PDB file of N, CA and C in Angstrom:
ATOM      1  N   UNK A   1      14.410   2.385 -26.451  1.00  0.00           N
ATOM      2  CA  UNK A   1      13.308   2.675 -25.317  1.00  0.00           C
ATOM      3  C   UNK A   1      12.945   4.175 -25.360  1.00  0.00           C
ATOM      4  N   UNK A   2      11.680   4.264 -25.366  1.00  0.00           N
ATOM      5  CA  UNK A   2      11.150   5.722 -25.328  1.00  0.00           C
ATOM      6  C   UNK A   2      11.006   6.244 -23.885  1.00  0.00           C
ATOM      7  N   UNK A   3      11.547   7.370 -23.677  1.00  0.00           N
ATOM      8  CA  UNK A   3      11.381   7.925 -22.391  1.00  0.00           C
ATOM      9  C   UNK A   3      10.065   8.691 -22.232  1.00  0.00           C
ATOM     10  N   UNK A   4       9.279   8.330 -21.251  1.00  0.00           N
ATOM     11  CA  UNK A   4       7.963   8.984 -21.039  1.00  0.00           C
ATOM     12  C   UNK A   4       8.152  10.047 -19.993  1.00  0.00           C
ATOM     13  N   UNK A   5       7.835  11.170 -20.314  1.00  0.00           N
ATOM     14  CA  UNK A   5       7.784  12.421 -19.419  1.00  0.00           C
ATOM     15  C   UNK A   5       6.335  12.582 -18.867  1.00  0.00           C
ATOM     16  N   UNK A   6       6.016  11.869 -17.935  1.00  0.00           N
ATOM     17  CA  UNK A   6       4.659  11.908 -17.451  1.00  0.00           C
ATOM     18  C   UNK A   6       4.718  11.958 -15.965  1.00  0.00           C
ATOM     19  N   UNK A   7       3.960  12.892 -15.305  1.00  0.00           N
ATOM     20  CA  UNK A   7       3.958  12.870 -13.920  1.00  0.00           C
ATOM     21  C   UNK A   7       3.096  11.911 -13.205  1.00  0.00           C
ATOM     22  N   UNK A   8       2.007  11.680 -13.943  1.00  0.00           N
ATOM     23  CA  UNK A   8       1.074  10.940 -13.271  1.00  0.00           C
ATOM     24  C   UNK A   8       0.668   9.512 -14.134  1.00  0.00           C
ATOM     25  N   UNK A   9       0.480   8.488 -13.510  1.00  0.00           N
ATOM     26  CA  UNK A   9       0.012   7.218 -14.251  1.00  0.00           C
ATOM     27  C   UNK A   9      -1.430   6.907 -13.732  1.00  0.00           C
ATOM     28  N   UNK A  10      -2.208   6.478 -14.595  1.00  0.00           N
ATOM     29  CA  UNK A  10      -3.686   6.054 -14.175  1.00  0.00           C
ATOM     30  C   UNK A  10      -3.605   4.701 -13.609  1.00  0.00           C
ATOM     31  N   UNK A  11      -3.553   4.672 -12.313  1.00  0.00           N
ATOM     32  CA  UNK A  11      -3.368   3.269 -11.632  1.00  0.00           C
ATOM     33  C   UNK A  11      -4.799   2.804 -11.365  1.00  0.00           C
ATOM     34  N   UNK A  12      -5.899   3.492 -11.560  1.00  0.00           N
ATOM     35  CA  UNK A  12      -7.208   3.111 -11.366  1.00  0.00           C
ATOM     36  C   UNK A  12      -7.543   1.905 -12.317  1.00  0.00           C
ATOM     37  N   UNK A  13      -6.940   1.835 -13.501  1.00  0.00           N
ATOM     38  CA  UNK A  13      -7.175   0.805 -14.514  1.00  0.00           C
ATOM     39  C   UNK A  13      -6.589  -0.615 -14.057  1.00  0.00           C
ATOM     40  N   UNK A  14      -5.754  -0.600 -13.052  1.00  0.00           N
ATOM     41  CA  UNK A  14      -5.034  -1.780 -12.590  1.00  0.00           C
ATOM     42  C   UNK A  14      -5.906  -2.508 -11.458  1.00  0.00           C
ATOM     43  N   UNK A  15      -5.782  -3.757 -11.298  1.00  0.00           N
ATOM     44  CA  UNK A  15      -6.385  -4.419 -10.040  1.00  0.00           C
ATOM     45  C   UNK A  15      -5.692  -4.012  -8.941  1.00  0.00           C
ATOM     46  N   UNK A  16      -6.319  -4.101  -7.737  1.00  0.00           N
ATOM     47  CA  UNK A  16      -5.763  -3.641  -6.410  1.00  0.00           C
ATOM     48  C   UNK A  16      -4.380  -4.341  -6.158  1.00  0.00           C
ATOM     49  N   UNK A  17      -4.256  -5.641  -6.447  1.00  0.00           N
ATOM     50  CA  UNK A  17      -3.067  -6.380  -6.241  1.00  0.00           C
ATOM     51  C   UNK A  17      -1.861  -5.772  -7.022  1.00  0.00           C
ATOM     52  N   UNK A  18      -2.120  -5.386  -8.219  1.00  0.00           N
ATOM     53  CA  UNK A  18      -1.231  -4.970  -9.127  1.00  0.00           C
ATOM     54  C   UNK A  18      -0.811  -3.447  -8.692  1.00  0.00           C
ATOM     55  N   UNK A  19      -1.640  -2.768  -8.209  1.00  0.00           N
ATOM     56  CA  UNK A  19      -1.383  -1.331  -7.608  1.00  0.00           C
ATOM     57  C   UNK A  19      -0.425  -1.457  -6.451  1.00  0.00           C
ATOM     58  N   UNK A  20      -0.623  -2.446  -5.597  1.00  0.00           N
ATOM     59  CA  UNK A  20       0.155  -2.688  -4.376  1.00  0.00           C
ATOM     60  C   UNK A  20       1.638  -3.256  -4.936  1.00  0.00           C
ATOM     61  N   UNK A  21       1.667  -4.112  -5.939  1.00  0.00           N
ATOM     62  CA  UNK A  21       3.040  -4.504  -6.517  1.00  0.00           C
ATOM     63  C   UNK A  21       3.782  -3.330  -7.147  1.00  0.00           C
ATOM     64  N   UNK A  22       2.992  -2.495  -7.743  1.00  0.00           N
ATOM     65  CA  UNK A  22       3.717  -1.298  -8.461  1.00  0.00           C
ATOM     66  C   UNK A  22       4.127  -0.344  -7.369  1.00  0.00           C
ATOM     67  N   UNK A  23       3.504  -0.086  -6.362  1.00  0.00           N
ATOM     68  CA  UNK A  23       3.989   0.728  -5.252  1.00  0.00           C
ATOM     69  C   UNK A  23       5.231   0.133  -4.541  1.00  0.00           C
ATOM     70  N   UNK A  24       5.116  -1.206  -4.430  1.00  0.00           N
ATOM     71  CA  UNK A  24       6.297  -1.725  -3.635  1.00  0.00           C
ATOM     72  C   UNK A  24       7.569  -1.718  -4.630  1.00  0.00           C
ATOM     73  N   UNK A  25       7.372  -1.841  -5.891  1.00  0.00           N
ATOM     74  CA  UNK A  25       8.463  -1.697  -6.795  1.00  0.00           C
ATOM     75  C   UNK A  25       8.968  -0.375  -6.811  1.00  0.00           C
ATOM     76  N   UNK A  26       8.173   0.594  -6.854  1.00  0.00           N
ATOM     77  CA  UNK A  26       8.508   2.075  -6.865  1.00  0.00           C
ATOM     78  C   UNK A  26       9.278   2.461  -5.674  1.00  0.00           C
ATOM     79  N   UNK A  27       8.943   1.832  -4.495  1.00  0.00           N
ATOM     80  CA  UNK A  27       9.666   2.151  -3.154  1.00  0.00           C
ATOM     81  C   UNK A  27      10.992   1.551  -3.260  1.00  0.00           C
ATOM     82  N   UNK A  28      11.124   0.295  -3.851  1.00  0.00           N
ATOM     83  CA  UNK A  28      12.294  -0.392  -3.837  1.00  0.00           C
ATOM     84  C   UNK A  28      13.232   0.260  -4.889  1.00  0.00           C
ATOM     85  N   UNK A  29      12.875   0.924  -6.008  1.00  0.00           N
ATOM     86  CA  UNK A  29      13.625   1.673  -6.802  1.00  0.00           C
ATOM     87  C   UNK A  29      14.173   3.134  -6.147  1.00  0.00           C
ATOM     88  N   UNK A  30      13.322   3.629  -5.412  1.00  0.00           N
ATOM     89  CA  UNK A  30      13.736   4.871  -4.680  1.00  0.00           C
ATOM     90  C   UNK A  30      14.830   4.528  -3.767  1.00  0.00           C
ATOM     91  N   UNK A  31      14.687   3.339  -3.107  1.00  0.00           N
ATOM     92  CA  UNK A  31      15.614   2.943  -2.116  1.00  0.00           C
ATOM     93  C   UNK A  31      17.090   2.543  -2.686  1.00  0.00           C
ATOM     94  N   UNK A  32      16.721   1.838  -3.925  1.00  0.00           N
ATOM     95  CA  UNK A  32      18.063   1.425  -4.690  1.00  0.00           C
ATOM     96  C   UNK A  32      18.860   2.652  -5.124  1.00  0.00           C
ATOM     97  N   UNK A  33      18.236   3.642  -5.559  1.00  0.00           N
ATOM     98  CA  UNK A  33      18.914   4.873  -6.043  1.00  0.00           C
ATOM     99  C   UNK A  33      19.069   5.803  -5.110  1.00  0.00           C
ATOM    100  N   UNK A  34      18.830   5.486  -3.673  1.00  0.00           N
ATOM    101  CA  UNK A  34      19.100   6.398  -2.589  1.00  0.00           C
ATOM    102  C   UNK A  34      18.333   7.742  -2.743  1.00  0.00           C
ATOM    103  N   UNK A  35      17.131   7.725  -3.094  1.00  0.00           N
ATOM    104  CA  UNK A  35      16.327   8.870  -3.166  1.00  0.00           C
ATOM    105  C   UNK A  35      15.631   8.930  -1.833  1.00  0.00           C
ATOM    106  N   UNK A  36      15.567  10.056  -1.197  1.00  0.00           N
ATOM    107  CA  UNK A  36      15.071  10.291   0.195  1.00  0.00           C
ATOM    108  C   UNK A  36      13.608   9.923   0.177  1.00  0.00           C
ATOM    109  N   UNK A  37      13.228   9.044   0.936  1.00  0.00           N
ATOM    110  CA  UNK A  37      11.768   8.633   1.099  1.00  0.00           C
ATOM    111  C   UNK A  37      11.250   9.563   2.309  1.00  0.00           C
ATOM    112  N   UNK A  38       9.984  10.075   2.119  1.00  0.00           N
ATOM    113  CA  UNK A  38       9.468  10.797   2.973  1.00  0.00           C
ATOM    114  C   UNK A  38       9.174  10.140   4.366  1.00  0.00           C
ATOM    115  N   UNK A  39       9.227  10.749   5.483  1.00  0.00           N
ATOM    116  CA  UNK A  39       9.084  10.121   6.756  1.00  0.00           C
ATOM    117  C   UNK A  39       7.614   9.525   6.822  1.00  0.00           C
ATOM    118  N   UNK A  40       6.579  10.006   6.115  1.00  0.00           N
ATOM    119  CA  UNK A  40       5.375   9.460   6.053  1.00  0.00           C
ATOM    120  C   UNK A  40       5.382   8.088   5.369  1.00  0.00           C
ATOM    121  N   UNK A  41       6.113   8.030   4.426  1.00  0.00           N
ATOM    122  CA  UNK A  41       6.317   6.730   3.749  1.00  0.00           C
ATOM    123  C   UNK A  41       6.938   5.602   4.652  1.00  0.00           C
ATOM    124  N   UNK A  42       7.871   6.077   5.453  1.00  0.00           N
ATOM    125  CA  UNK A  42       8.408   5.104   6.475  1.00  0.00           C
ATOM    126  C   UNK A  42       7.495   4.746   7.470  1.00  0.00           C
ATOM    127  N   UNK A  43       6.673   5.629   7.997  1.00  0.00           N
ATOM    128  CA  UNK A  43       5.575   5.238   8.862  1.00  0.00           C
ATOM    129  C   UNK A  43       4.550   4.246   8.292  1.00  0.00           C
ATOM    130  N   UNK A  44       4.227   4.580   7.030  1.00  0.00           N
ATOM    131  CA  UNK A  44       3.253   3.630   6.302  1.00  0.00           C
ATOM    132  C   UNK A  44       3.915   2.325   6.126  1.00  0.00           C
ATOM    133  N   UNK A  45       5.127   2.214   5.875  1.00  0.00           N
ATOM    134  CA  UNK A  45       5.800   0.866   5.717  1.00  0.00           C
ATOM    135  C   UNK A  45       5.867   0.155   7.007  1.00  0.00           C
ATOM    136  N   UNK A  46       6.077   0.821   8.075  1.00  0.00           N
ATOM    137  CA  UNK A  46       6.055   0.218   9.477  1.00  0.00           C
ATOM    138  C   UNK A  46       4.722  -0.472   9.757  1.00  0.00           C
ATOM    139  N   UNK A  47       3.687   0.299   9.468  1.00  0.00           N
ATOM    140  CA  UNK A  47       2.367  -0.243   9.800  1.00  0.00           C
ATOM    141  C   UNK A  47       1.631  -1.184   8.709  1.00  0.00           C
ATOM    142  N   UNK A  48       2.373  -1.274   7.500  1.00  0.00           N
ATOM    143  CA  UNK A  48       1.899  -2.084   6.559  1.00  0.00           C
ATOM    144  C   UNK A  48       1.993  -3.568   7.075  1.00  0.00           C
ATOM    145  N   UNK A  49       3.016  -3.917   7.903  1.00  0.00           N
ATOM    146  CA  UNK A  49       3.119  -5.321   8.390  1.00  0.00           C
ATOM    147  C   UNK A  49       2.083  -5.658   9.455  1.00  0.00           C
ATOM    148  N   UNK A  50       1.403  -4.683   9.946  1.00  0.00           N
ATOM    149  CA  UNK A  50       0.336  -4.867  10.980  1.00  0.00           C
ATOM    150  C   UNK A  50      -1.038  -4.626  10.308  1.00  0.00           C
ATOM    151  N   UNK A  51      -1.231  -4.360   9.105  1.00  0.00           N
ATOM    152  CA  UNK A  51      -2.507  -4.066   8.547  1.00  0.00           C
ATOM    153  C   UNK A  51      -3.235  -5.400   8.271  1.00  0.00           C
ATOM    154  N   UNK A  52      -4.582  -5.351   8.697  1.00  0.00           N
ATOM    155  CA  UNK A  52      -5.430  -6.613   8.418  1.00  0.00           C
ATOM    156  C   UNK A  52      -6.632  -6.086   7.473  1.00  0.00           C
ATOM    157  N   UNK A  53      -6.963  -7.001   6.679  1.00  0.00           N
ATOM    158  CA  UNK A  53      -8.185  -6.846   5.952  1.00  0.00           C
ATOM    159  C   UNK A  53      -9.373  -7.204   6.782  1.00  0.00           C
ATOM    160  N   UNK A  54     -10.138  -6.208   7.266  1.00  0.00           N
ATOM    161  CA  UNK A  54     -11.272  -6.376   8.240  1.00  0.00           C
ATOM    162  C   UNK A  54     -12.574  -6.165   7.321  1.00  0.00           C
ATOM    163  N   UNK A  55     -12.457  -6.214   6.080  1.00  0.00           N
ATOM    164  CA  UNK A  55     -13.658  -5.866   5.241  1.00  0.00           C
ATOM    165  C   UNK A  55     -14.774  -6.856   5.319  1.00  0.00           C
ATOM    166  N   UNK A  56     -14.409  -8.034   5.737  1.00  0.00           N
ATOM    167  CA  UNK A  56     -15.430  -9.240   5.857  1.00  0.00           C
ATOM    168  C   UNK A  56     -15.742  -9.452   7.394  1.00  0.00           C
ATOM    169  N   UNK A  57     -15.116  -8.699   8.245  1.00  0.00           N
ATOM    170  CA  UNK A  57     -15.353  -8.785   9.669  1.00  0.00           C
ATOM    171  C   UNK A  57     -16.775  -8.389  10.088  1.00  0.00           C
ATOM    172  N   UNK A  58     -17.520  -9.262  10.802  1.00  0.00           N
ATOM    173  CA  UNK A  58     -18.830  -8.917  11.326  1.00  0.00           C
ATOM    174  C   UNK A  58     -18.774  -8.786  12.790  1.00  0.00           C
ATOM    175  N   UNK A  59     -19.200  -7.723  13.327  1.00  0.00           N
ATOM    176  CA  UNK A  59     -19.171  -7.546  14.761  1.00  0.00           C
ATOM    177  C   UNK A  59     -20.612  -7.848  15.178  1.00  0.00           C
ATOM    178  N   UNK A  60     -20.567  -8.756  16.267  1.00  0.00           N
ATOM    179  CA  UNK A  60     -21.775  -9.215  16.858  1.00  0.00           C
ATOM    180  C   UNK A  60     -21.961  -8.850  18.312  1.00  0.00           C
ATOM    181  N   UNK A  61     -22.739  -7.805  18.686  1.00  0.00           N
ATOM    182  CA  UNK A  61     -22.752  -7.350  20.061  1.00  0.00           C
ATOM    183  C   UNK A  61     -23.027  -8.478  21.076  1.00  0.00           C
ATOM    184  N   UNK A  62     -23.989  -9.363  20.627  1.00  0.00           N
ATOM    185  CA  UNK A  62     -24.500 -10.496  21.481  1.00  0.00           C
ATOM    186  C   UNK A  62     -23.378 -11.370  21.858  1.00  0.00           C
ATOM    187  N   UNK A  63     -22.582 -11.614  20.885  1.00  0.00           N
ATOM    188  CA  UNK A  63     -21.438 -12.683  21.237  1.00  0.00           C
ATOM    189  C   UNK A  63     -20.424 -11.974  22.175  1.00  0.00           C
ATOM    190  N   UNK A  64     -20.314 -10.770  21.992  1.00  0.00           N
ATOM    191  CA  UNK A  64     -19.192 -10.080  22.841  1.00  0.00           C
ATOM    192  C   UNK A  64     -19.624 -10.158  24.296  1.00  0.00           C
ATOM    193  N   UNK A  65     -20.980 -10.138  24.633  1.00  0.00           N
ATOM    194  CA  UNK A  65     -21.374 -10.064  25.978  1.00  0.00           C
ATOM    195  C   UNK A  65     -21.654 -11.452  26.514  1.00  0.00           C
ATOM    196  N   UNK A  66     -21.497 -12.573  25.733  1.00  0.00           N
ATOM    197  CA  UNK A  66     -21.785 -13.832  26.226  1.00  0.00           C
ATOM    198  C   UNK A  66     -20.628 -14.297  27.034  1.00  0.00           C
ATOM    199  N   UNK A  67     -20.902 -15.050  28.116  1.00  0.00           N
ATOM    200  CA  UNK A  67     -19.736 -15.682  28.985  1.00  0.00           C
ATOM    201  C   UNK A  67     -19.682 -17.042  28.906  1.00  0.00           C
TER     202      UNK A  67
END
């Protein structure tokens, strides 16, 4: 196996879902080998379970005021 000494990987060439999987895998490896995860990562992990995809959400002001 060749060891790659590279600080950055080009994740832009991957689909969004693959990037998420890679990030999850990376975090699990850090946890497995007990590398300290930054506090910001812990906060992100907490809010990940509450994140919603609102990209298709349409806000209709008229509907909001109907009774």
